Amino acid sequence: MTDKELLTIVGGGITATFINSIARLINTVLDLGRNVGNAIQMVVSGRKC
């Protein structure tokens, strides 16, 4: 392919892989928030495992 032809190529839009990775990122952030919140709550209340 020539450089001119390569410039006309348009990539795909939102794919299932992209949506899946965003969903995993959101779940990871939520789990991290739960763990941090639980740790803060345990420190404030003085409880230990």
PDB file of N, CA and C in Angstrom:
ATOM      1  N   MET A   1       0.842  -1.187   0.000  1.00  0.00           N
ATOM      2  CA  MET A   1       0.000   0.000   0.000  1.00  0.00           C
ATOM      3  C   MET A   1       0.882   1.244   0.000  1.00  0.00           C
ATOM      4  N   THR A   2       0.377   2.253  -0.633  1.00  0.00           N
ATOM      5  CA  THR A   2       1.122   3.508  -0.668  1.00  0.00           C
ATOM      6  C   THR A   2       0.771   4.341   0.561  1.00  0.00           C
ATOM      7  N   ASP A   3       1.571   5.355   0.800  1.00  0.00           N
ATOM      8  CA  ASP A   3       1.311   6.247   1.939  1.00  0.00           C
ATOM      9  C   ASP A   3      -0.046   6.931   1.804  1.00  0.00           C
ATOM     10  N   LYS A   4      -0.423   7.255   0.570  1.00  0.00           N
ATOM     11  CA  LYS A   4      -1.701   7.926   0.338  1.00  0.00           C
ATOM     12  C   LYS A   4      -2.860   7.003   0.715  1.00  0.00           C
ATOM     13  N   GLU A   5      -2.749   5.721   0.357  1.00  0.00           N
ATOM     14  CA  GLU A   5      -3.791   4.760   0.698  1.00  0.00           C
ATOM     15  C   GLU A   5      -3.856   4.521   2.206  1.00  0.00           C
ATOM     16  N   LEU A   6      -2.701   4.497   2.847  1.00  0.00           N
ATOM     17  CA  LEU A   6      -2.672   4.279   4.292  1.00  0.00           C
ATOM     18  C   LEU A   6      -3.362   5.412   5.049  1.00  0.00           C
ATOM     19  N   LEU A   7      -3.269   6.621   4.527  1.00  0.00           N
ATOM     20  CA  LEU A   7      -3.900   7.767   5.185  1.00  0.00           C
ATOM     21  C   LEU A   7      -5.421   7.715   5.120  1.00  0.00           C
ATOM     22  N   THR A   8      -5.982   6.976   4.171  1.00  0.00           N
ATOM     23  CA  THR A   8      -7.438   6.923   4.020  1.00  0.00           C
ATOM     24  C   THR A   8      -8.077   5.839   4.888  1.00  0.00           C
ATOM     25  N   ILE A   9      -7.280   5.007   5.552  1.00  0.00           N
ATOM     26  CA  ILE A   9      -7.829   3.935   6.379  1.00  0.00           C
ATOM     27  C   ILE A   9      -8.423   4.532   7.648  1.00  0.00           C
ATOM     28  N   VAL A  10      -9.635   4.125   7.945  1.00  0.00           N
ATOM     29  CA  VAL A  10     -10.325   4.584   9.152  1.00  0.00           C
ATOM     30  C   VAL A  10     -10.525   3.378  10.060  1.00  0.00           C
ATOM     31  N   GLY A  11     -10.125   3.522  11.323  1.00  0.00           N
ATOM     32  CA  GLY A  11     -10.258   2.423  12.274  1.00  0.00           C
ATOM     33  C   GLY A  11     -11.692   2.248  12.736  1.00  0.00           C
ATOM     34  N   GLY A  12     -11.924   1.142  13.431  1.00  0.00           N
ATOM     35  CA  GLY A  12     -13.254   0.839  13.942  1.00  0.00           C
ATOM     36  C   GLY A  12     -13.631   1.737  15.106  1.00  0.00           C
ATOM     37  N   GLY A  13     -14.871   1.672  15.476  1.00  0.00           N
ATOM     38  CA  GLY A  13     -15.383   2.475  16.580  1.00  0.00           C
ATOM     39  C   GLY A  13     -15.228   1.735  17.900  1.00  0.00           C
ATOM     40  N   ILE A  14     -16.257   1.748  18.685  1.00  0.00           N
ATOM     41  CA  ILE A  14     -16.242   1.086  19.988  1.00  0.00           C
ATOM     42  C   ILE A  14     -16.459  -0.411  19.755  1.00  0.00           C
ATOM     43  N   THR A  15     -15.546  -1.207  20.277  1.00  0.00           N
ATOM     44  CA  THR A  15     -15.635  -2.657  20.095  1.00  0.00           C
ATOM     45  C   THR A  15     -16.019  -3.319  21.416  1.00  0.00           C
ATOM     46  N   ALA A  16     -16.346  -4.587  21.345  1.00  0.00           N
ATOM     47  CA  ALA A  16     -16.710  -5.339  22.551  1.00  0.00           C
ATOM     48  C   ALA A  16     -15.526  -5.428  23.501  1.00  0.00           C
ATOM     49  N   THR A  17     -14.330  -5.545  22.962  1.00  0.00           N
ATOM     50  CA  THR A  17     -13.133  -5.601  23.801  1.00  0.00           C
ATOM     51  C   THR A  17     -12.958  -4.301  24.573  1.00  0.00           C
ATOM     52  N   PHE A  18     -13.195  -3.178  23.914  1.00  0.00           N
ATOM     53  CA  PHE A  18     -13.074  -1.877  24.570  1.00  0.00           C
ATOM     54  C   PHE A  18     -14.112  -1.742  25.695  1.00  0.00           C
ATOM     55  N   ILE A  19     -15.342  -2.132  25.427  1.00  0.00           N
ATOM     56  CA  ILE A  19     -16.400  -2.059  26.439  1.00  0.00           C
ATOM     57  C   ILE A  19     -16.064  -2.968  27.618  1.00  0.00           C
ATOM     58  N   ASN A  20     -15.554  -4.164  27.324  1.00  0.00           N
ATOM     59  CA  ASN A  20     -15.181  -5.103  28.381  1.00  0.00           C
ATOM     60  C   ASN A  20     -14.061  -4.531  29.251  1.00  0.00           C
ATOM     61  N   SER A  21     -13.082  -3.899  28.639  1.00  0.00           N
ATOM     62  CA  SER A  21     -11.983  -3.330  29.417  1.00  0.00           C
ATOM     63  C   SER A  21     -12.454  -2.169  30.284  1.00  0.00           C
ATOM     64  N   ILE A  22     -13.389  -1.373  29.792  1.00  0.00           N
ATOM     65  CA  ILE A  22     -13.937  -0.275  30.590  1.00  0.00           C
ATOM     66  C   ILE A  22     -14.728  -0.838  31.770  1.00  0.00           C
ATOM     67  N   ALA A  23     -15.495  -1.894  31.547  1.00  0.00           N
ATOM     68  CA  ALA A  23     -16.261  -2.514  32.634  1.00  0.00           C
ATOM     69  C   ALA A  23     -15.329  -3.076  33.701  1.00  0.00           C
ATOM     70  N   ARG A  24     -14.250  -3.707  33.282  1.00  0.00           N
ATOM     71  CA  ARG A  24     -13.287  -4.243  34.255  1.00  0.00           C
ATOM     72  C   ARG A  24     -12.614  -3.118  35.040  1.00  0.00           C
ATOM     73  N   LEU A  25     -12.315  -2.021  34.358  1.00  0.00           N
ATOM     74  CA  LEU A  25     -11.710  -0.870  35.037  1.00  0.00           C
ATOM     75  C   LEU A  25     -12.655  -0.318  36.100  1.00  0.00           C
ATOM     76  N   ILE A  26     -13.932  -0.187  35.766  1.00  0.00           N
ATOM     77  CA  ILE A  26     -14.912   0.322  36.724  1.00  0.00           C
ATOM     78  C   ILE A  26     -15.024  -0.625  37.915  1.00  0.00           C
ATOM     79  N   ASN A  27     -15.077  -1.935  37.664  1.00  0.00           N
ATOM     80  CA  ASN A  27     -15.155  -2.902  38.765  1.00  0.00           C
ATOM     81  C   ASN A  27     -13.923  -2.843  39.653  1.00  0.00           C
ATOM     82  N   THR A  28     -12.762  -2.664  39.063  1.00  0.00           N
ATOM     83  CA  THR A  28     -11.528  -2.571  39.837  1.00  0.00           C
ATOM     84  C   THR A  28     -11.534  -1.332  40.725  1.00  0.00           C
ATOM     85  N   VAL A  29     -11.965  -0.213  40.180  1.00  0.00           N
ATOM     86  CA  VAL A  29     -12.027   1.026  40.957  1.00  0.00           C
ATOM     87  C   VAL A  29     -13.035   0.883  42.097  1.00  0.00           C
ATOM     88  N   LEU A  30     -14.172   0.274  41.834  1.00  0.00           N
ATOM     89  CA  LEU A  30     -15.173   0.082  42.884  1.00  0.00           C
ATOM     90  C   LEU A  30     -14.655  -0.836  43.989  1.00  0.00           C
ATOM     91  N   ASP A  31     -13.981  -1.929  43.619  1.00  0.00           N
ATOM     92  CA  ASP A  31     -13.409  -2.829  44.620  1.00  0.00           C
ATOM     93  C   ASP A  31     -12.347  -2.122  45.454  1.00  0.00           C
ATOM     94  N   LEU A  32     -11.525  -1.325  44.802  1.00  0.00           N
ATOM     95  CA  LEU A  32     -10.506  -0.565  45.522  1.00  0.00           C
ATOM     96  C   LEU A  32     -11.160   0.402  46.510  1.00  0.00           C
ATOM     97  N   GLY A  33     -12.217   1.063  46.089  1.00  0.00           N
ATOM     98  CA  GLY A  33     -12.929   1.987  46.976  1.00  0.00           C
ATOM     99  C   GLY A  33     -13.549   1.278  48.170  1.00  0.00           C
ATOM    100  N   ARG A  34     -14.114   0.099  47.931  1.00  0.00           N
ATOM    101  CA  ARG A  34     -14.684  -0.673  49.039  1.00  0.00           C
ATOM    102  C   ARG A  34     -13.604  -1.070  50.043  1.00  0.00           C
ATOM    103  N   ASN A  35     -12.466  -1.535  49.536  1.00  0.00           N
ATOM    104  CA  ASN A  35     -11.385  -1.955  50.423  1.00  0.00           C
ATOM    105  C   ASN A  35     -10.820  -0.798  51.227  1.00  0.00           C
ATOM    106  N   VAL A  36     -10.639   0.342  50.593  1.00  0.00           N
ATOM    107  CA  VAL A  36     -10.138   1.512  51.313  1.00  0.00           C
ATOM    108  C   VAL A  36     -11.159   1.979  52.338  1.00  0.00           C
ATOM    109  N   GLY A  37     -12.427   1.985  51.960  1.00  0.00           N
ATOM    110  CA  GLY A  37     -13.476   2.394  52.898  1.00  0.00           C
ATOM    111  C   GLY A  37     -13.556   1.459  54.086  1.00  0.00           C
ATOM    112  N   ASN A  38     -13.425   0.173  53.839  1.00  0.00           N
ATOM    113  CA  ASN A  38     -13.452  -0.806  54.921  1.00  0.00           C
ATOM    114  C   ASN A  38     -12.251  -0.610  55.849  1.00  0.00           C
ATOM    115  N   ALA A  39     -11.085  -0.357  55.278  1.00  0.00           N
ATOM    116  CA  ALA A  39      -9.887  -0.138  56.091  1.00  0.00           C
ATOM    117  C   ALA A  39     -10.026   1.117  56.951  1.00  0.00           C
ATOM    118  N   ILE A  40     -10.576   2.173  56.381  1.00  0.00           N
ATOM    119  CA  ILE A  40     -10.778   3.413  57.147  1.00  0.00           C
ATOM    120  C   ILE A  40     -11.772   3.168  58.272  1.00  0.00           C
ATOM    121  N   GLN A  41     -12.831   2.442  57.979  1.00  0.00           N
ATOM    122  CA  GLN A  41     -13.840   2.162  58.990  1.00  0.00           C
ATOM    123  C   GLN A  41     -13.257   1.318  60.129  1.00  0.00           C
ATOM    124  N   MET A  42     -12.392   0.371  59.810  1.00  0.00           N
ATOM    125  CA  MET A  42     -11.784  -0.454  60.842  1.00  0.00           C
ATOM    126  C   MET A  42     -10.831   0.364  61.715  1.00  0.00           C
ATOM    127  N   VAL A  43     -10.093   1.294  61.115  1.00  0.00           N
ATOM    128  CA  VAL A  43      -9.172   2.135  61.880  1.00  0.00           C
ATOM    129  C   VAL A  43      -9.954   3.062  62.802  1.00  0.00           C
ATOM    130  N   VAL A  44     -11.019   3.660  62.293  1.00  0.00           N
ATOM    131  CA  VAL A  44     -11.809   4.607  63.085  1.00  0.00           C
ATOM    132  C   VAL A  44     -12.500   3.892  64.252  1.00  0.00           C
ATOM    133  N   SER A  45     -13.037   2.683  64.005  1.00  0.00           N
ATOM    134  CA  SER A  45     -13.757   1.986  65.056  1.00  0.00           C
ATOM    135  C   SER A  45     -12.834   1.200  65.972  1.00  0.00           C
ATOM    136  N   GLY A  46     -11.579   1.048  65.587  1.00  0.00           N
ATOM    137  CA  GLY A  46     -10.629   0.338  66.431  1.00  0.00           C
ATOM    138  C   GLY A  46     -10.716  -1.172  66.327  1.00  0.00           C
ATOM    139  N   ARG A  47     -11.467  -1.688  65.361  1.00  0.00           N
ATOM    140  CA  ARG A  47     -11.594  -3.136  65.199  1.00  0.00           C
ATOM    141  C   ARG A  47     -10.367  -3.690  64.471  1.00  0.00           C
ATOM    142  N   LYS A  48     -10.096  -4.974  64.726  1.00  0.00           N
ATOM    143  CA  LYS A  48      -9.044  -5.669  64.009  1.00  0.00           C
ATOM    144  C   LYS A  48      -9.594  -6.998  63.531  1.00  0.00           C
ATOM    145  N   CYS A  49      -9.003  -7.517  62.487  1.00  0.00           N
ATOM    146  CA  CYS A  49      -9.451  -8.809  61.927  1.00  0.00           C
ATOM    147  C   CYS A  49      -9.178  -9.934  62.888  1.00  0.00           C
TER     148      CYS A  49
END
